[in-house]
Every structure is written in C-alpha cells, then in structure tokens.
Amino acid sequence: MRYVAAYMLAVMGGNSNPTARDIEKIVGSVGIECETDKLAIVLKELKGKDLEELIKKGQEKLANAPGAGAVITTTTDTKAAVEDKAEETKEVKNEEPESSSDDDMGFGLFDD
C-alpha cells in the first residue's frame, strides 16, 4: 500500500510516469527502506494506466460492495454468553493504564 500511496503522491506532484527511483525517494523520505520486489509489482501493474480512471473504477467497486455486516440471530443462551463476554471486556479495559501521551498512536502513514 505504501508504494501505491507514494506513486499517487508522485502523480499528484506532476510526475505522470513515476519511476522506481521516484518512488524510492518518496518512501525513503519517511525513513522506510524500499522493497524492490514489491515496488516492481506496483510499477508493473500501474504502467501505462490512467490513475484517475483506476480510482473511478475502484470507487465503483466500493459502491457495489455490501455495506452492512452479517446479521446474527441469537438465542437467549447465546445472548447471555455475549453479555458475559462484554462484561469481561469492560473489566479488562478498566484495568489497562491510560497513555500519558498521544504523540505516537502506534501507526504511520506508510505502515502495512
């Protein structure tokens, strides 16, 4: 995903045909070492394709995807088990210490 994001940044920056070197430079700017095999796959798949057209096709696919999760029917016994599990989860959450800093949320822009 990081290589696709870097590719999109390069295109948005005016480079209509980014090279591996261009992508490596973008990814490297945030301190991530580039995996050339994965980058080669991304470049191969995007070569000669219009990025805006790919985004439109992706949006159409997302629009057709179901938006709701599976519906689960439960019996009284199952409901009780779920409620017990929810109660256990609340207790565990209450025991966890709160972080004193929100500086590092545990993820970055280019994480997998």
PDB file of N, CA and C in Angstrom:
ATOM      1  N   MET A   1       0.822  -1.190   0.000  1.00  0.00           N
ATOM      2  CA  MET A   1       0.000   0.000   0.000  1.00  0.00           C
ATOM      3  C   MET A   1       0.865   1.253   0.000  1.00  0.00           C
ATOM      4  N   ARG A   2       2.014   1.174   0.673  1.00  0.00           N
ATOM      5  CA  ARG A   2       2.868   2.350   0.755  1.00  0.00           C
ATOM      6  C   ARG A   2       3.382   2.751  -0.617  1.00  0.00           C
ATOM      7  N   TYR A   3       3.605   1.768  -1.495  1.00  0.00           N
ATOM      8  CA  TYR A   3       4.127   2.083  -2.820  1.00  0.00           C
ATOM      9  C   TYR A   3       3.048   2.702  -3.701  1.00  0.00           C
ATOM     10  N   VAL A   4       1.822   2.242  -3.526  1.00  0.00           N
ATOM     11  CA  VAL A   4       0.701   2.844  -4.259  1.00  0.00           C
ATOM     12  C   VAL A   4       0.514   4.293  -3.797  1.00  0.00           C
ATOM     13  N   ALA A   5       0.581   4.512  -2.485  1.00  0.00           N
ATOM     14  CA  ALA A   5       0.436   5.870  -1.953  1.00  0.00           C
ATOM     15  C   ALA A   5       1.553   6.772  -2.464  1.00  0.00           C
ATOM     16  N   ALA A   6       2.781   6.263  -2.486  1.00  0.00           N
ATOM     17  CA  ALA A   6       3.910   7.051  -2.976  1.00  0.00           C
ATOM     18  C   ALA A   6       3.744   7.340  -4.467  1.00  0.00           C
ATOM     19  N   TYR A   7       3.256   6.355  -5.214  1.00  0.00           N
ATOM     20  CA  TYR A   7       3.003   6.540  -6.643  1.00  0.00           C
ATOM     21  C   TYR A   7       1.974   7.653  -6.853  1.00  0.00           C
ATOM     22  N   MET A   8       0.908   7.606  -6.061  1.00  0.00           N
ATOM     23  CA  MET A   8      -0.133   8.625  -6.174  1.00  0.00           C
ATOM     24  C   MET A   8       0.406  10.004  -5.810  1.00  0.00           C
ATOM     25  N   LEU A   9       1.243  10.078  -4.799  1.00  0.00           N
ATOM     26  CA  LEU A   9       1.851  11.362  -4.434  1.00  0.00           C
ATOM     27  C   LEU A   9       2.699  11.912  -5.572  1.00  0.00           C
ATOM     28  N   ALA A  10       3.450  11.034  -6.217  1.00  0.00           N
ATOM     29  CA  ALA A  10       4.287  11.469  -7.336  1.00  0.00           C
ATOM     30  C   ALA A  10       3.427  11.997  -8.481  1.00  0.00           C
ATOM     31  N   VAL A  11       2.351  11.287  -8.795  1.00  0.00           N
ATOM     32  CA  VAL A  11       1.452  11.717  -9.874  1.00  0.00           C
ATOM     33  C   VAL A  11       0.799  13.040  -9.518  1.00  0.00           C
ATOM     34  N   MET A  12       0.330  13.158  -8.275  1.00  0.00           N
ATOM     35  CA  MET A  12      -0.300  14.412  -7.845  1.00  0.00           C
ATOM     36  C   MET A  12       0.696  15.570  -7.849  1.00  0.00           C
ATOM     37  N   GLY A  13       1.975  15.246  -7.700  1.00  0.00           N
ATOM     38  CA  GLY A  13       3.020  16.258  -7.728  1.00  0.00           C
ATOM     39  C   GLY A  13       3.437  16.661  -9.131  1.00  0.00           C
ATOM     40  N   GLY A  14       2.822  16.050 -10.151  1.00  0.00           N
ATOM     41  CA  GLY A  14       3.098  16.448 -11.523  1.00  0.00           C
ATOM     42  C   GLY A  14       3.907  15.443 -12.325  1.00  0.00           C
ATOM     43  N   ASN A  15       4.320  14.344 -11.732  1.00  0.00           N
ATOM     44  CA  ASN A  15       5.087  13.317 -12.436  1.00  0.00           C
ATOM     45  C   ASN A  15       4.106  12.260 -12.932  1.00  0.00           C
ATOM     46  N   SER A  16       3.740  12.327 -14.210  1.00  0.00           N
ATOM     47  CA  SER A  16       2.706  11.433 -14.735  1.00  0.00           C
ATOM     48  C   SER A  16       3.179   9.991 -14.910  1.00  0.00           C
ATOM     49  N   ASN A  17       4.497   9.773 -14.881  1.00  0.00           N
ATOM     50  CA  ASN A  17       5.031   8.424 -15.047  1.00  0.00           C
ATOM     51  C   ASN A  17       6.187   8.196 -14.074  1.00  0.00           C
ATOM     52  N   PRO A  18       5.890   8.019 -12.785  1.00  0.00           N
ATOM     53  CA  PRO A  18       6.950   7.861 -11.788  1.00  0.00           C
ATOM     54  C   PRO A  18       7.778   6.594 -12.009  1.00  0.00           C
ATOM     55  N   THR A  19       9.064   6.703 -11.772  1.00  0.00           N
ATOM     56  CA  THR A  19       9.973   5.564 -11.882  1.00  0.00           C
ATOM     57  C   THR A  19      10.191   4.959 -10.503  1.00  0.00           C
ATOM     58  N   ALA A  20      10.894   3.836 -10.495  1.00  0.00           N
ATOM     59  CA  ALA A  20      11.222   3.189  -9.223  1.00  0.00           C
ATOM     60  C   ALA A  20      12.034   4.139  -8.354  1.00  0.00           C
ATOM     61  N   ARG A  21      12.928   4.855  -8.964  1.00  0.00           N
ATOM     62  CA  ARG A  21      13.776   5.811  -8.227  1.00  0.00           C
ATOM     63  C   ARG A  21      12.912   6.894  -7.574  1.00  0.00           C
ATOM     64  N   ASP A  22      11.898   7.386  -8.290  1.00  0.00           N
ATOM     65  CA  ASP A  22      10.997   8.408  -7.747  1.00  0.00           C
ATOM     66  C   ASP A  22      10.253   7.881  -6.513  1.00  0.00           C
ATOM     67  N   ILE A  23       9.749   6.651  -6.617  1.00  0.00           N
ATOM     68  CA  ILE A  23       9.005   6.049  -5.512  1.00  0.00           C
ATOM     69  C   ILE A  23       9.932   5.790  -4.327  1.00  0.00           C
ATOM     70  N   GLU A  24      11.136   5.280  -4.607  1.00  0.00           N
ATOM     71  CA  GLU A  24      12.115   5.031  -3.542  1.00  0.00           C
ATOM     72  C   GLU A  24      12.443   6.318  -2.791  1.00  0.00           C
ATOM     73  N   LYS A  25      12.540   7.409  -3.518  1.00  0.00           N
ATOM     74  CA  LYS A  25      12.852   8.697  -2.899  1.00  0.00           C
ATOM     75  C   LYS A  25      11.722   9.136  -1.955  1.00  0.00           C
ATOM     76  N   ILE A  26      10.480   8.961  -2.390  1.00  0.00           N
ATOM     77  CA  ILE A  26       9.333   9.348  -1.568  1.00  0.00           C
ATOM     78  C   ILE A  26       9.249   8.470  -0.323  1.00  0.00           C
ATOM     79  N   VAL A  27       9.331   7.159  -0.503  1.00  0.00           N
ATOM     80  CA  VAL A  27       9.237   6.225   0.623  1.00  0.00           C
ATOM     81  C   VAL A  27      10.416   6.426   1.575  1.00  0.00           C
ATOM     82  N   GLY A  28      11.591   6.641   1.017  1.00  0.00           N
ATOM     83  CA  GLY A  28      12.778   6.860   1.833  1.00  0.00           C
ATOM     84  C   GLY A  28      12.728   8.146   2.635  1.00  0.00           C
ATOM     85  N   SER A  29      11.963   9.121   2.172  1.00  0.00           N
ATOM     86  CA  SER A  29      11.881  10.407   2.866  1.00  0.00           C
ATOM     87  C   SER A  29      11.230  10.286   4.239  1.00  0.00           C
ATOM     88  N   VAL A  30      10.501   9.191   4.467  1.00  0.00           N
ATOM     89  CA  VAL A  30       9.883   8.967   5.777  1.00  0.00           C
ATOM     90  C   VAL A  30      10.603   7.855   6.537  1.00  0.00           C
ATOM     91  N   GLY A  31      11.811   7.526   6.082  1.00  0.00           N
ATOM     92  CA  GLY A  31      12.655   6.579   6.804  1.00  0.00           C
ATOM     93  C   GLY A  31      12.329   5.114   6.600  1.00  0.00           C
ATOM     94  N   ILE A  32      11.688   4.779   5.491  1.00  0.00           N
ATOM     95  CA  ILE A  32      11.346   3.388   5.211  1.00  0.00           C
ATOM     96  C   ILE A  32      12.197   2.885   4.056  1.00  0.00           C
ATOM     97  N   GLU A  33      12.787   1.700   4.261  1.00  0.00           N
ATOM     98  CA  GLU A  33      13.580   1.087   3.203  1.00  0.00           C
ATOM     99  C   GLU A  33      12.645   0.451   2.185  1.00  0.00           C
ATOM    100  N   CYS A  34      12.942   0.632   0.933  1.00  0.00           N
ATOM    101  CA  CYS A  34      12.085   0.166  -0.144  1.00  0.00           C
ATOM    102  C   CYS A  34      12.345  -1.315  -0.454  1.00  0.00           C
ATOM    103  N   GLU A  35      11.280  -2.087  -0.592  1.00  0.00           N
ATOM    104  CA  GLU A  35      11.377  -3.482  -1.007  1.00  0.00           C
ATOM    105  C   GLU A  35      11.194  -3.512  -2.524  1.00  0.00           C
ATOM    106  N   THR A  36      12.292  -3.717  -3.237  1.00  0.00           N
ATOM    107  CA  THR A  36      12.283  -3.585  -4.697  1.00  0.00           C
ATOM    108  C   THR A  36      11.343  -4.563  -5.389  1.00  0.00           C
ATOM    109  N   ASP A  37      11.171  -5.763  -4.839  1.00  0.00           N
ATOM    110  CA  ASP A  37      10.277  -6.730  -5.480  1.00  0.00           C
ATOM    111  C   ASP A  37       8.814  -6.268  -5.429  1.00  0.00           C
ATOM    112  N   LYS A  38       8.406  -5.736  -4.299  1.00  0.00           N
ATOM    113  CA  LYS A  38       7.034  -5.227  -4.173  1.00  0.00           C
ATOM    114  C   LYS A  38       6.831  -3.973  -5.014  1.00  0.00           C
ATOM    115  N   LEU A  39       7.844  -3.114  -5.030  1.00  0.00           N
ATOM    116  CA  LEU A  39       7.767  -1.895  -5.835  1.00  0.00           C
ATOM    117  C   LEU A  39       7.656  -2.242  -7.313  1.00  0.00           C
ATOM    118  N   ALA A  40       8.400  -3.250  -7.750  1.00  0.00           N
ATOM    119  CA  ALA A  40       8.355  -3.660  -9.158  1.00  0.00           C
ATOM    120  C   ALA A  40       6.959  -4.128  -9.547  1.00  0.00           C
ATOM    121  N   ILE A  41       6.290  -4.841  -8.645  1.00  0.00           N
ATOM    122  CA  ILE A  41       4.923  -5.311  -8.924  1.00  0.00           C
ATOM    123  C   ILE A  41       3.973  -4.128  -9.082  1.00  0.00           C
ATOM    124  N   VAL A  42       4.075  -3.161  -8.186  1.00  0.00           N
ATOM    125  CA  VAL A  42       3.204  -1.981  -8.254  1.00  0.00           C
ATOM    126  C   VAL A  42       3.440  -1.218  -9.558  1.00  0.00           C
ATOM    127  N   LEU A  43       4.696  -0.992  -9.898  1.00  0.00           N
ATOM    128  CA  LEU A  43       5.003  -0.264 -11.128  1.00  0.00           C
ATOM    129  C   LEU A  43       4.528  -1.018 -12.365  1.00  0.00           C
ATOM    130  N   LYS A  44       4.671  -2.340 -12.349  1.00  0.00           N
ATOM    131  CA  LYS A  44       4.225  -3.161 -13.481  1.00  0.00           C
ATOM    132  C   LYS A  44       2.704  -3.049 -13.655  1.00  0.00           C
ATOM    133  N   GLU A  45       1.981  -3.116 -12.540  1.00  0.00           N
ATOM    134  CA  GLU A  45       0.522  -3.060 -12.595  1.00  0.00           C
ATOM    135  C   GLU A  45      -0.011  -1.681 -12.993  1.00  0.00           C
ATOM    136  N   LEU A  46       0.722  -0.632 -12.651  1.00  0.00           N
ATOM    137  CA  LEU A  46       0.250   0.728 -12.927  1.00  0.00           C
ATOM    138  C   LEU A  46       0.799   1.301 -14.233  1.00  0.00           C
ATOM    139  N   LYS A  47       1.756   0.631 -14.830  1.00  0.00           N
ATOM    140  CA  LYS A  47       2.408   1.142 -16.042  1.00  0.00           C
ATOM    141  C   LYS A  47       1.393   1.380 -17.163  1.00  0.00           C
ATOM    142  N   GLY A  48       1.406   2.604 -17.679  1.00  0.00           N
ATOM    143  CA  GLY A  48       0.562   2.967 -18.803  1.00  0.00           C
ATOM    144  C   GLY A  48      -0.908   3.160 -18.472  1.00  0.00           C
ATOM    145  N   LYS A  49      -1.257   3.123 -17.205  1.00  0.00           N
ATOM    146  CA  LYS A  49      -2.663   3.273 -16.818  1.00  0.00           C
ATOM    147  C   LYS A  49      -2.904   4.675 -16.260  1.00  0.00           C
ATOM    148  N   ASP A  50      -4.116   5.170 -16.509  1.00  0.00           N
ATOM    149  CA  ASP A  50      -4.514   6.480 -16.008  1.00  0.00           C
ATOM    150  C   ASP A  50      -4.961   6.329 -14.552  1.00  0.00           C
ATOM    151  N   LEU A  51      -4.269   6.991 -13.658  1.00  0.00           N
ATOM    152  CA  LEU A  51      -4.535   6.865 -12.229  1.00  0.00           C
ATOM    153  C   LEU A  51      -5.955   7.306 -11.872  1.00  0.00           C
ATOM    154  N   GLU A  52      -6.426   8.378 -12.474  1.00  0.00           N
ATOM    155  CA  GLU A  52      -7.781   8.855 -12.182  1.00  0.00           C
ATOM    156  C   GLU A  52      -8.830   7.826 -12.603  1.00  0.00           C
ATOM    157  N   GLU A  53      -8.594   7.168 -13.740  1.00  0.00           N
ATOM    158  CA  GLU A  53      -9.522   6.135 -14.208  1.00  0.00           C
ATOM    159  C   GLU A  53      -9.522   4.938 -13.252  1.00  0.00           C
ATOM    160  N   LEU A  54      -8.348   4.565 -12.752  1.00  0.00           N
ATOM    161  CA  LEU A  54      -8.261   3.463 -11.788  1.00  0.00           C
ATOM    162  C   LEU A  54      -9.002   3.796 -10.498  1.00  0.00           C
ATOM    163  N   ILE A  55      -8.891   5.040 -10.064  1.00  0.00           N
ATOM    164  CA  ILE A  55      -9.594   5.464  -8.855  1.00  0.00           C
ATOM    165  C   ILE A  55     -11.102   5.411  -9.070  1.00  0.00           C
ATOM    166  N   LYS A  56     -11.571   5.858 -10.227  1.00  0.00           N
ATOM    167  CA  LYS A  56     -13.012   5.801 -10.537  1.00  0.00           C
ATOM    168  C   LYS A  56     -13.521   4.365 -10.523  1.00  0.00           C
ATOM    169  N   LYS A  57     -12.757   3.460 -11.144  1.00  0.00           N
ATOM    170  CA  LYS A  57     -13.164   2.050 -11.171  1.00  0.00           C
ATOM    171  C   LYS A  57     -13.205   1.481  -9.748  1.00  0.00           C
ATOM    172  N   GLY A  58     -12.238   1.856  -8.935  1.00  0.00           N
ATOM    173  CA  GLY A  58     -12.208   1.390  -7.549  1.00  0.00           C
ATOM    174  C   GLY A  58     -13.393   1.905  -6.755  1.00  0.00           C
ATOM    175  N   GLN A  59     -13.758   3.160  -6.985  1.00  0.00           N
ATOM    176  CA  GLN A  59     -14.916   3.731  -6.289  1.00  0.00           C
ATOM    177  C   GLN A  59     -16.197   3.019  -6.696  1.00  0.00           C
ATOM    178  N   GLU A  60     -16.306   2.660  -7.982  1.00  0.00           N
ATOM    179  CA  GLU A  60     -17.491   1.931  -8.446  1.00  0.00           C
ATOM    180  C   GLU A  60     -17.580   0.569  -7.763  1.00  0.00           C
ATOM    181  N   LYS A  61     -16.432  -0.095  -7.633  1.00  0.00           N
ATOM    182  CA  LYS A  61     -16.432  -1.401  -6.967  1.00  0.00           C
ATOM    183  C   LYS A  61     -16.832  -1.257  -5.505  1.00  0.00           C
ATOM    184  N   LEU A  62     -16.341  -0.217  -4.847  1.00  0.00           N
ATOM    185  CA  LEU A  62     -16.698   0.004  -3.447  1.00  0.00           C
ATOM    186  C   LEU A  62     -18.178   0.338  -3.293  1.00  0.00           C
ATOM    187  N   ALA A  63     -18.722   1.073  -4.259  1.00  0.00           N
ATOM    188  CA  ALA A  63     -20.134   1.435  -4.188  1.00  0.00           C
ATOM    189  C   ALA A  63     -21.022   0.203  -4.287  1.00  0.00           C
ATOM    190  N   ASN A  64     -20.559  -0.828  -4.995  1.00  0.00           N
ATOM    191  CA  ASN A  64     -21.345  -2.051  -5.164  1.00  0.00           C
ATOM    192  C   ASN A  64     -21.119  -3.062  -4.050  1.00  0.00           C
ATOM    193  N   ALA A  65     -20.153  -2.807  -3.197  1.00  0.00           N
ATOM    194  CA  ALA A  65     -19.854  -3.735  -2.100  1.00  0.00           C
ATOM    195  C   ALA A  65     -20.911  -3.589  -1.012  1.00  0.00           C
ATOM    196  N   PRO A  66     -21.265  -4.701  -0.389  1.00  0.00           N
ATOM    197  CA  PRO A  66     -22.253  -4.604   0.695  1.00  0.00           C
ATOM    198  C   PRO A  66     -21.692  -3.772   1.842  1.00  0.00           C
ATOM    199  N   GLY A  67     -22.530  -2.949   2.412  1.00  0.00           N
ATOM    200  CA  GLY A  67     -22.075  -2.047   3.457  1.00  0.00           C
ATOM    201  C   GLY A  67     -22.324  -2.526   4.870  1.00  0.00           C
ATOM    202  N   ALA A  68     -23.224  -3.459   5.028  1.00  0.00           N
ATOM    203  CA  ALA A  68     -23.557  -3.923   6.374  1.00  0.00           C
ATOM    204  C   ALA A  68     -22.862  -5.240   6.660  1.00  0.00           C
ATOM    205  N   GLY A  69     -22.640  -5.482   7.916  1.00  0.00           N
ATOM    206  CA  GLY A  69     -22.052  -6.750   8.322  1.00  0.00           C
ATOM    207  C   GLY A  69     -23.100  -7.849   8.334  1.00  0.00           C
ATOM    208  N   ALA A  70     -22.686  -9.033   8.655  1.00  0.00           N
ATOM    209  CA  ALA A  70     -23.600 -10.169   8.714  1.00  0.00           C
ATOM    210  C   ALA A  70     -24.581  -9.989   9.872  1.00  0.00           C
ATOM    211  N   VAL A  71     -25.783 -10.430   9.658  1.00  0.00           N
ATOM    212  CA  VAL A  71     -26.798 -10.370  10.694  1.00  0.00           C
ATOM    213  C   VAL A  71     -26.720 -11.670  11.491  1.00  0.00           C
ATOM    214  N   ILE A  72     -26.654 -11.537  12.790  1.00  0.00           N
ATOM    215  CA  ILE A  72     -26.546 -12.707  13.646  1.00  0.00           C
ATOM    216  C   ILE A  72     -27.800 -12.804  14.498  1.00  0.00           C
ATOM    217  N   THR A  73     -28.431 -13.938  14.441  1.00  0.00           N
ATOM    218  CA  THR A  73     -29.571 -14.171  15.315  1.00  0.00           C
ATOM    219  C   THR A  73     -29.077 -14.984  16.493  1.00  0.00           C
ATOM    220  N   THR A  74     -29.572 -14.648  17.665  1.00  0.00           N
ATOM    221  CA  THR A  74     -29.083 -15.335  18.854  1.00  0.00           C
ATOM    222  C   THR A  74     -30.230 -15.891  19.661  1.00  0.00           C
ATOM    223  N   THR A  75     -29.916 -16.910  20.406  1.00  0.00           N
ATOM    224  CA  THR A  75     -30.882 -17.450  21.359  1.00  0.00           C
ATOM    225  C   THR A  75     -30.617 -16.800  22.702  1.00  0.00           C
ATOM    226  N   THR A  76     -31.449 -17.065  23.665  1.00  0.00           N
ATOM    227  CA  THR A  76     -31.281 -16.492  24.996  1.00  0.00           C
ATOM    228  C   THR A  76     -29.945 -16.902  25.600  1.00  0.00           C
ATOM    229  N   ASP A  77     -29.564 -18.198  25.443  1.00  0.00           N
ATOM    230  CA  ASP A  77     -28.296 -18.673  25.987  1.00  0.00           C
ATOM    231  C   ASP A  77     -27.113 -17.953  25.337  1.00  0.00           C
ATOM    232  N   THR A  78     -27.176 -17.769  24.026  1.00  0.00           N
ATOM    233  CA  THR A  78     -26.088 -17.097  23.320  1.00  0.00           C
ATOM    234  C   THR A  78     -26.009 -15.637  23.730  1.00  0.00           C
ATOM    235  N   LYS A  79     -27.154 -14.991  23.901  1.00  0.00           N
ATOM    236  CA  LYS A  79     -27.169 -13.600  24.336  1.00  0.00           C
ATOM    237  C   LYS A  79     -26.498 -13.457  25.695  1.00  0.00           C
ATOM    238  N   ALA A  80     -26.783 -14.382  26.593  1.00  0.00           N
ATOM    239  CA  ALA A  80     -26.178 -14.336  27.927  1.00  0.00           C
ATOM    240  C   ALA A  80     -24.670 -14.488  27.826  1.00  0.00           C
ATOM    241  N   ALA A  81     -24.208 -15.382  26.958  1.00  0.00           N
ATOM    242  CA  ALA A  81     -22.767 -15.585  26.782  1.00  0.00           C
ATOM    243  C   ALA A  81     -22.112 -14.330  26.215  1.00  0.00           C
ATOM    244  N   VAL A  82     -22.780 -13.687  25.270  1.00  0.00           N
ATOM    245  CA  VAL A  82     -22.248 -12.460  24.675  1.00  0.00           C
ATOM    246  C   VAL A  82     -22.195 -11.351  25.722  1.00  0.00           C
ATOM    247  N   GLU A  83     -23.243 -11.244  26.529  1.00  0.00           N
ATOM    248  CA  GLU A  83     -23.269 -10.222  27.577  1.00  0.00           C
ATOM    249  C   GLU A  83     -22.170 -10.456  28.600  1.00  0.00           C
ATOM    250  N   ASP A  84     -21.929 -11.741  28.959  1.00  0.00           N
ATOM    251  CA  ASP A  84     -20.843 -12.066  29.891  1.00  0.00           C
ATOM    252  C   ASP A  84     -19.497 -11.664  29.314  1.00  0.00           C
ATOM    253  N   LYS A  85     -19.299 -11.961  28.037  1.00  0.00           N
ATOM    254  CA  LYS A  85     -18.035 -11.628  27.370  1.00  0.00           C
ATOM    255  C   LYS A  85     -17.861 -10.108  27.316  1.00  0.00           C
ATOM    256  N   ALA A  86     -18.946  -9.381  27.049  1.00  0.00           N
ATOM    257  CA  ALA A  86     -18.875  -7.922  27.016  1.00  0.00           C
ATOM    258  C   ALA A  86     -18.498  -7.377  28.381  1.00  0.00           C
ATOM    259  N   GLU A  87     -19.037  -7.969  29.425  1.00  0.00           N
ATOM    260  CA  GLU A  87     -18.731  -7.549  30.788  1.00  0.00           C
ATOM    261  C   GLU A  87     -17.256  -7.800  31.104  1.00  0.00           C
ATOM    262  N   GLU A  88     -16.716  -8.948  30.679  1.00  0.00           N
ATOM    263  CA  GLU A  88     -15.299  -9.257  30.877  1.00  0.00           C
ATOM    264  C   GLU A  88     -14.415  -8.243  30.153  1.00  0.00           C
ATOM    265  N   THR A  89     -14.819  -7.881  28.946  1.00  0.00           N
ATOM    266  CA  THR A  89     -14.056  -6.920  28.157  1.00  0.00           C
ATOM    267  C   THR A  89     -14.026  -5.566  28.841  1.00  0.00           C
ATOM    268  N   LYS A  90     -15.153  -5.160  29.409  1.00  0.00           N
ATOM    269  CA  LYS A  90     -15.201  -3.884  30.123  1.00  0.00           C
ATOM    270  C   LYS A  90     -14.242  -3.894  31.302  1.00  0.00           C
ATOM    271  N   GLU A  91     -14.211  -5.009  32.025  1.00  0.00           N
ATOM    272  CA  GLU A  91     -13.326  -5.116  33.177  1.00  0.00           C
ATOM    273  C   GLU A  91     -11.867  -5.039  32.763  1.00  0.00           C
ATOM    274  N   VAL A  92     -11.510  -5.704  31.667  1.00  0.00           N
ATOM    275  CA  VAL A  92     -10.124  -5.675  31.175  1.00  0.00           C
ATOM    276  C   VAL A  92      -9.753  -4.270  30.737  1.00  0.00           C
ATOM    277  N   LYS A  93     -10.669  -3.593  30.051  1.00  0.00           N
ATOM    278  CA  LYS A  93     -10.392  -2.228  29.592  1.00  0.00           C
ATOM    279  C   LYS A  93     -10.160  -1.297  30.776  1.00  0.00           C
ATOM    280  N   ASN A  94     -10.905  -1.485  31.837  1.00  0.00           N
ATOM    281  CA  ASN A  94     -10.754  -0.633  33.017  1.00  0.00           C
ATOM    282  C   ASN A  94      -9.415  -0.851  33.701  1.00  0.00           C
ATOM    283  N   GLU A  95      -8.838  -2.032  33.563  1.00  0.00           N
ATOM    284  CA  GLU A  95      -7.568  -2.341  34.205  1.00  0.00           C
ATOM    285  C   GLU A  95      -6.369  -1.789  33.442  1.00  0.00           C
ATOM    286  N   GLU A  96      -6.523  -1.501  32.157  1.00  0.00           N
ATOM    287  CA  GLU A  96      -5.412  -1.032  31.341  1.00  0.00           C
ATOM    288  C   GLU A  96      -5.060   0.413  31.708  1.00  0.00           C
ATOM    289  N   PRO A  97      -3.768   0.700  31.892  1.00  0.00           N
ATOM    290  CA  PRO A  97      -3.373   2.077  32.201  1.00  0.00           C
ATOM    291  C   PRO A  97      -3.540   2.970  30.976  1.00  0.00           C
ATOM    292  N   GLU A  98      -3.898   4.204  31.245  1.00  0.00           N
ATOM    293  CA  GLU A  98      -4.055   5.145  30.155  1.00  0.00           C
ATOM    294  C   GLU A  98      -2.703   5.708  29.752  1.00  0.00           C
ATOM    295  N   SER A  99      -2.540   5.944  28.475  1.00  0.00           N
ATOM    296  CA  SER A  99      -1.287   6.511  27.981  1.00  0.00           C
ATOM    297  C   SER A  99      -1.258   7.993  28.317  1.00  0.00           C
ATOM    298  N   SER A 100      -0.089   8.461  28.705  1.00  0.00           N
ATOM    299  CA  SER A 100       0.025   9.865  29.065  1.00  0.00           C
ATOM    300  C   SER A 100       0.311  10.748  27.857  1.00  0.00           C
ATOM    301  N   SER A 101       0.534  10.122  26.705  1.00  0.00           N
ATOM    302  CA  SER A 101       0.868  10.903  25.523  1.00  0.00           C
ATOM    303  C   SER A 101       0.169  10.333  24.300  1.00  0.00           C
ATOM    304  N   ASP A 102      -0.343  11.211  23.469  1.00  0.00           N
ATOM    305  CA  ASP A 102      -0.958  10.803  22.212  1.00  0.00           C
ATOM    306  C   ASP A 102      -0.026  11.067  21.037  1.00  0.00           C
ATOM    307  N   ASP A 103       1.247  11.340  21.320  1.00  0.00           N
ATOM    308  CA  ASP A 103       2.187  11.663  20.250  1.00  0.00           C
ATOM    309  C   ASP A 103       2.328  10.528  19.250  1.00  0.00           C
ATOM    310  N   ASP A 104       2.458   9.288  19.710  1.00  0.00           N
ATOM    311  CA  ASP A 104       2.638   8.139  18.838  1.00  0.00           C
ATOM    312  C   ASP A 104       1.445   7.226  18.993  1.00  0.00           C
ATOM    313  N   MET A 105       0.604   7.186  17.993  1.00  0.00           N
ATOM    314  CA  MET A 105      -0.614   6.396  18.053  1.00  0.00           C
ATOM    315  C   MET A 105      -0.353   4.939  17.661  1.00  0.00           C
ATOM    316  N   GLY A 106       0.896   4.563  17.371  1.00  0.00           N
ATOM    317  CA  GLY A 106       1.215   3.190  17.053  1.00  0.00           C
ATOM    318  C   GLY A 106       1.125   2.840  15.582  1.00  0.00           C
ATOM    319  N   PHE A 107       0.946   3.830  14.739  1.00  0.00           N
ATOM    320  CA  PHE A 107       0.911   3.547  13.303  1.00  0.00           C
ATOM    321  C   PHE A 107       1.455   4.754  12.552  1.00  0.00           C
ATOM    322  N   GLY A 108       1.814   4.519  11.330  1.00  0.00           N
ATOM    323  CA  GLY A 108       2.346   5.587  10.499  1.00  0.00           C
ATOM    324  C   GLY A 108       1.674   5.598   9.141  1.00  0.00           C
ATOM    325  N   LEU A 109       1.913   6.613   8.401  1.00  0.00           N
ATOM    326  CA  LEU A 109       1.288   6.787   7.092  1.00  0.00           C
ATOM    327  C   LEU A 109       1.623   5.648   6.144  1.00  0.00           C
ATOM    328  N   PHE A 110       2.828   5.116   6.230  1.00  0.00           N
ATOM    329  CA  PHE A 110       3.254   4.102   5.267  1.00  0.00           C
ATOM    330  C   PHE A 110       3.346   2.708   5.868  1.00  0.00           C
ATOM    331  N   ASP A 111       2.683   2.443   6.998  1.00  0.00           N
ATOM    332  CA  ASP A 111       2.669   1.102   7.573  1.00  0.00           C
ATOM    333  C   ASP A 111       1.774   0.199   6.757  1.00  0.00           C
ATOM    334  N   ASP A 112       2.089  -1.100   6.769  1.00  0.00           N
ATOM    335  CA  ASP A 112       1.251  -2.083   6.063  1.00  0.00           C
ATOM    336  C   ASP A 112      -0.038  -2.294   6.779  1.00  0.00           C
TER     337      ASP A 112
END
